[in-house]
Every structure is written in structure tokens, then in C-alpha cells.
Amino acid sequence: MYATLIAAVAVMVVSSAALMAVGTAYKWQVASRGYGLWTRAIGVLTVLALTGITVWSRRADTLVAVLAGVGGLLLAGGYVWLHVRLTNNLRNAGVESSL
């Protein structure tokens, strides 16, 4: 159990640092294509990594592991769909960073 907890924390720390790096690189222009692409990729990879950790930790119970895997894939797909919509709405509204 502790190994999966440490792995999940590591995933969150790395993804948070990656989001900060992307935000800094794009000067927090949240409507820019590059910012949207990279934050979407980081978000999907984070969801999939946490799904993998969950499935691994529940590998003894096949049904729970399969359901967790399917749920994680659906969550990642929903994240992409909503993120694309949000980015497009921000772009259409002319939102820019205050920096």
C-alpha cells in the first residue's frame, strides 16, 4: 500500500511541476494553442498514471481492477473533451494572461 501511495504522490508532484513549467514557458497565456496542448497532455498522462497505479494496487480483485481501468480511460477522455471546450471558449472570448 505504501508503494502505491508514494507512486501516486510522485505522479502528482511531477505533473504539478510540469504544469508550472508549461505555464511559465507560455507566460500563462491560457488561450494559446501550445499552453492548451501541453496542459491537456499533462492532464491526460496524470489521469492515466493514477489509473495505472490504482489498477496495479487492486490487481488481486480482477473486477475492481478492470472497472478502475475503464473508469480511468473514460475520465481521461472526458478530461480531453472538456479541456478542448474550455480552451476554445477562452480563445473565443479573447482571454489573456494578466502578466
C-alpha atoms as a PDB file:
ATOM      1  CA  MET A   1       0.000   0.000   0.000  1.00  0.00           C
ATOM      2  CA  TYR A   2       2.746   2.451   0.836  1.00  0.00           C
ATOM      3  CA  ALA A   3       4.438   1.961  -2.522  1.00  0.00           C
ATOM      4  CA  THR A   4       1.261   2.896  -4.384  1.00  0.00           C
ATOM      5  CA  LEU A   5       0.777   5.940  -2.174  1.00  0.00           C
ATOM      6  CA  ILE A   6       4.342   7.077  -2.813  1.00  0.00           C
ATOM      7  CA  ALA A   7       3.898   6.473  -6.550  1.00  0.00           C
ATOM      8  CA  ALA A   8       0.663   8.497  -6.614  1.00  0.00           C
ATOM      9  CA  VAL A   9       2.289  11.362  -4.725  1.00  0.00           C
ATOM     10  CA  ALA A  10       5.258  11.273  -7.110  1.00  0.00           C
ATOM     11  CA  VAL A  11       2.911  11.459 -10.108  1.00  0.00           C
ATOM     12  CA  MET A  12       1.148  14.485  -8.629  1.00  0.00           C
ATOM     13  CA  VAL A  13       4.412  16.262  -7.779  1.00  0.00           C
ATOM     14  CA  VAL A  14       5.842  15.697 -11.263  1.00  0.00           C
ATOM     15  CA  SER A  15       2.627  16.756 -13.006  1.00  0.00           C
ATOM     16  CA  SER A  16       2.350  19.882 -10.858  1.00  0.00           C
ATOM     17  CA  ALA A  17       5.932  20.836 -11.670  1.00  0.00           C
ATOM     18  CA  ALA A  18       5.284  20.176 -15.358  1.00  0.00           C
ATOM     19  CA  LEU A  19       2.197  22.407 -15.314  1.00  0.00           C
ATOM     20  CA  MET A  20       4.195  25.177 -13.653  1.00  0.00           C
ATOM     21  CA  ALA A  21       6.929  24.833 -16.282  1.00  0.00           C
ATOM     22  CA  VAL A  22       4.413  24.982 -19.129  1.00  0.00           C
ATOM     23  CA  GLY A  23       2.649  27.968 -17.592  1.00  0.00           C
ATOM     24  CA  THR A  24       5.932  29.798 -17.205  1.00  0.00           C
ATOM     25  CA  ALA A  25       7.074  28.925 -20.724  1.00  0.00           C
ATOM     26  CA  TYR A  26       3.837  30.240 -22.246  1.00  0.00           C
ATOM     27  CA  LYS A  27       3.702  33.225 -19.873  1.00  0.00           C
ATOM     28  CA  TRP A  28       0.333  31.974 -18.576  1.00  0.00           C
ATOM     29  CA  GLN A  29      -1.399  32.721 -21.883  1.00  0.00           C
ATOM     30  CA  VAL A  30      -4.135  30.179 -21.169  1.00  0.00           C
ATOM     31  CA  ALA A  31      -5.809  30.668 -24.556  1.00  0.00           C
ATOM     32  CA  SER A  32      -2.659  29.897 -26.569  1.00  0.00           C
ATOM     33  CA  ARG A  33      -2.571  26.675 -28.560  1.00  0.00           C
ATOM     34  CA  GLY A  34       0.700  25.486 -27.032  1.00  0.00           C
ATOM     35  CA  TYR A  35      -0.459  26.037 -23.469  1.00  0.00           C
ATOM     36  CA  GLY A  36      -3.687  24.162 -24.163  1.00  0.00           C
ATOM     37  CA  LEU A  37      -1.915  21.288 -25.889  1.00  0.00           C
ATOM     38  CA  TRP A  38       0.700  20.773 -23.187  1.00  0.00           C
ATOM     39  CA  THR A  39      -1.650  21.144 -20.225  1.00  0.00           C
ATOM     40  CA  ARG A  40      -4.044  18.703 -21.891  1.00  0.00           C
ATOM     41  CA  ALA A  41      -1.236  16.194 -22.442  1.00  0.00           C
ATOM     42  CA  ILE A  42      -0.006  16.530 -18.860  1.00  0.00           C
ATOM     43  CA  GLY A  43      -3.530  16.140 -17.521  1.00  0.00           C
ATOM     44  CA  VAL A  44      -4.210  13.003 -19.560  1.00  0.00           C
ATOM     45  CA  LEU A  45      -0.878  11.454 -18.616  1.00  0.00           C
ATOM     46  CA  THR A  46      -1.576  12.198 -14.959  1.00  0.00           C
ATOM     47  CA  VAL A  47      -5.025  10.603 -15.086  1.00  0.00           C
ATOM     48  CA  LEU A  48      -3.660   7.553 -16.911  1.00  0.00           C
ATOM     49  CA  ALA A  49      -0.733   7.204 -14.495  1.00  0.00           C
ATOM     50  CA  LEU A  50      -3.043   7.376 -11.486  1.00  0.00           C
ATOM     51  CA  THR A  51      -5.342   4.873 -13.195  1.00  0.00           C
ATOM     52  CA  GLY A  52      -2.405   2.532 -13.692  1.00  0.00           C
ATOM     53  CA  ILE A  53      -1.412   2.848 -10.047  1.00  0.00           C
ATOM     54  CA  THR A  54      -4.982   2.152  -8.949  1.00  0.00           C
ATOM     55  CA  VAL A  55      -5.302  -0.878 -11.222  1.00  0.00           C
ATOM     56  CA  TRP A  56      -1.951  -2.204 -10.004  1.00  0.00           C
ATOM     57  CA  SER A  57      -2.955  -1.803  -6.362  1.00  0.00           C
ATOM     58  CA  ARG A  58      -6.223  -3.685  -6.995  1.00  0.00           C
ATOM     59  CA  ARG A  59      -4.767  -6.392  -9.242  1.00  0.00           C
ATOM     60  CA  ALA A  60      -5.861  -9.165  -6.840  1.00  0.00           C
ATOM     61  CA  ASP A  61      -9.513  -8.313  -7.493  1.00  0.00           C
ATOM     62  CA  THR A  62      -9.934  -8.579 -11.254  1.00  0.00           C
ATOM     63  CA  LEU A  63     -13.367  -6.976 -11.476  1.00  0.00           C
ATOM     64  CA  VAL A  64     -12.339  -3.916  -9.469  1.00  0.00           C
ATOM     65  CA  ALA A  65      -9.117  -3.571 -11.471  1.00  0.00           C
ATOM     66  CA  VAL A  66     -10.966  -3.752 -14.802  1.00  0.00           C
ATOM     67  CA  LEU A  67     -13.647  -1.307 -13.678  1.00  0.00           C
ATOM     68  CA  ALA A  68     -10.990   1.095 -12.371  1.00  0.00           C
ATOM     69  CA  GLY A  69      -9.132   0.857 -15.683  1.00  0.00           C
ATOM     70  CA  VAL A  70     -12.263   1.506 -17.731  1.00  0.00           C
ATOM     71  CA  GLY A  71     -13.247   4.349 -15.416  1.00  0.00           C
ATOM     72  CA  GLY A  72      -9.805   5.913 -15.751  1.00  0.00           C
ATOM     73  CA  LEU A  73      -9.945   5.742 -19.544  1.00  0.00           C
ATOM     74  CA  LEU A  74     -13.412   7.325 -19.552  1.00  0.00           C
ATOM     75  CA  LEU A  75     -12.194  10.013 -17.162  1.00  0.00           C
ATOM     76  CA  ALA A  76      -9.202  10.777 -19.400  1.00  0.00           C
ATOM     77  CA  GLY A  77     -11.470  11.016 -22.444  1.00  0.00           C
ATOM     78  CA  GLY A  78     -13.875  13.301 -20.611  1.00  0.00           C
ATOM     79  CA  TYR A  79     -10.969  15.449 -19.464  1.00  0.00           C
ATOM     80  CA  VAL A  80      -9.777  15.918 -23.050  1.00  0.00           C
ATOM     81  CA  TRP A  81     -13.270  16.779 -24.284  1.00  0.00           C
ATOM     82  CA  LEU A  82     -13.887  19.347 -21.531  1.00  0.00           C
ATOM     83  CA  HIS A  83     -10.380  20.815 -21.806  1.00  0.00           C
ATOM     84  CA  VAL A  84     -10.781  21.355 -25.562  1.00  0.00           C
ATOM     85  CA  ARG A  85     -14.136  23.060 -24.979  1.00  0.00           C
ATOM     86  CA  LEU A  86     -12.703  25.273 -22.233  1.00  0.00           C
ATOM     87  CA  THR A  87      -9.670  26.265 -24.296  1.00  0.00           C
ATOM     88  CA  ASN A  88     -11.847  27.115 -27.300  1.00  0.00           C
ATOM     89  CA  ASN A  89     -14.216  29.173 -25.142  1.00  0.00           C
ATOM     90  CA  LEU A  90     -11.290  31.094 -23.640  1.00  0.00           C
ATOM     91  CA  ARG A  91      -9.816  31.696 -27.081  1.00  0.00           C
ATOM     92  CA  ASN A  92     -13.165  32.882 -28.482  1.00  0.00           C
ATOM     93  CA  ALA A  93     -13.681  35.190 -25.503  1.00  0.00           C
ATOM     94  CA  GLY A  94     -10.271  36.790 -26.055  1.00  0.00           C
ATOM     95  CA  VAL A  95      -8.991  35.880 -22.593  1.00  0.00           C
ATOM     96  CA  GLU A  96      -5.336  36.727 -21.990  1.00  0.00           C
ATOM     97  CA  SER A  97      -2.992  36.491 -19.055  1.00  0.00           C
ATOM     98  CA  SER A  98      -2.763  39.461 -16.749  1.00  0.00           C
ATOM     99  CA  LEU A  99       1.024  39.047 -16.563  1.00  0.00           C
END
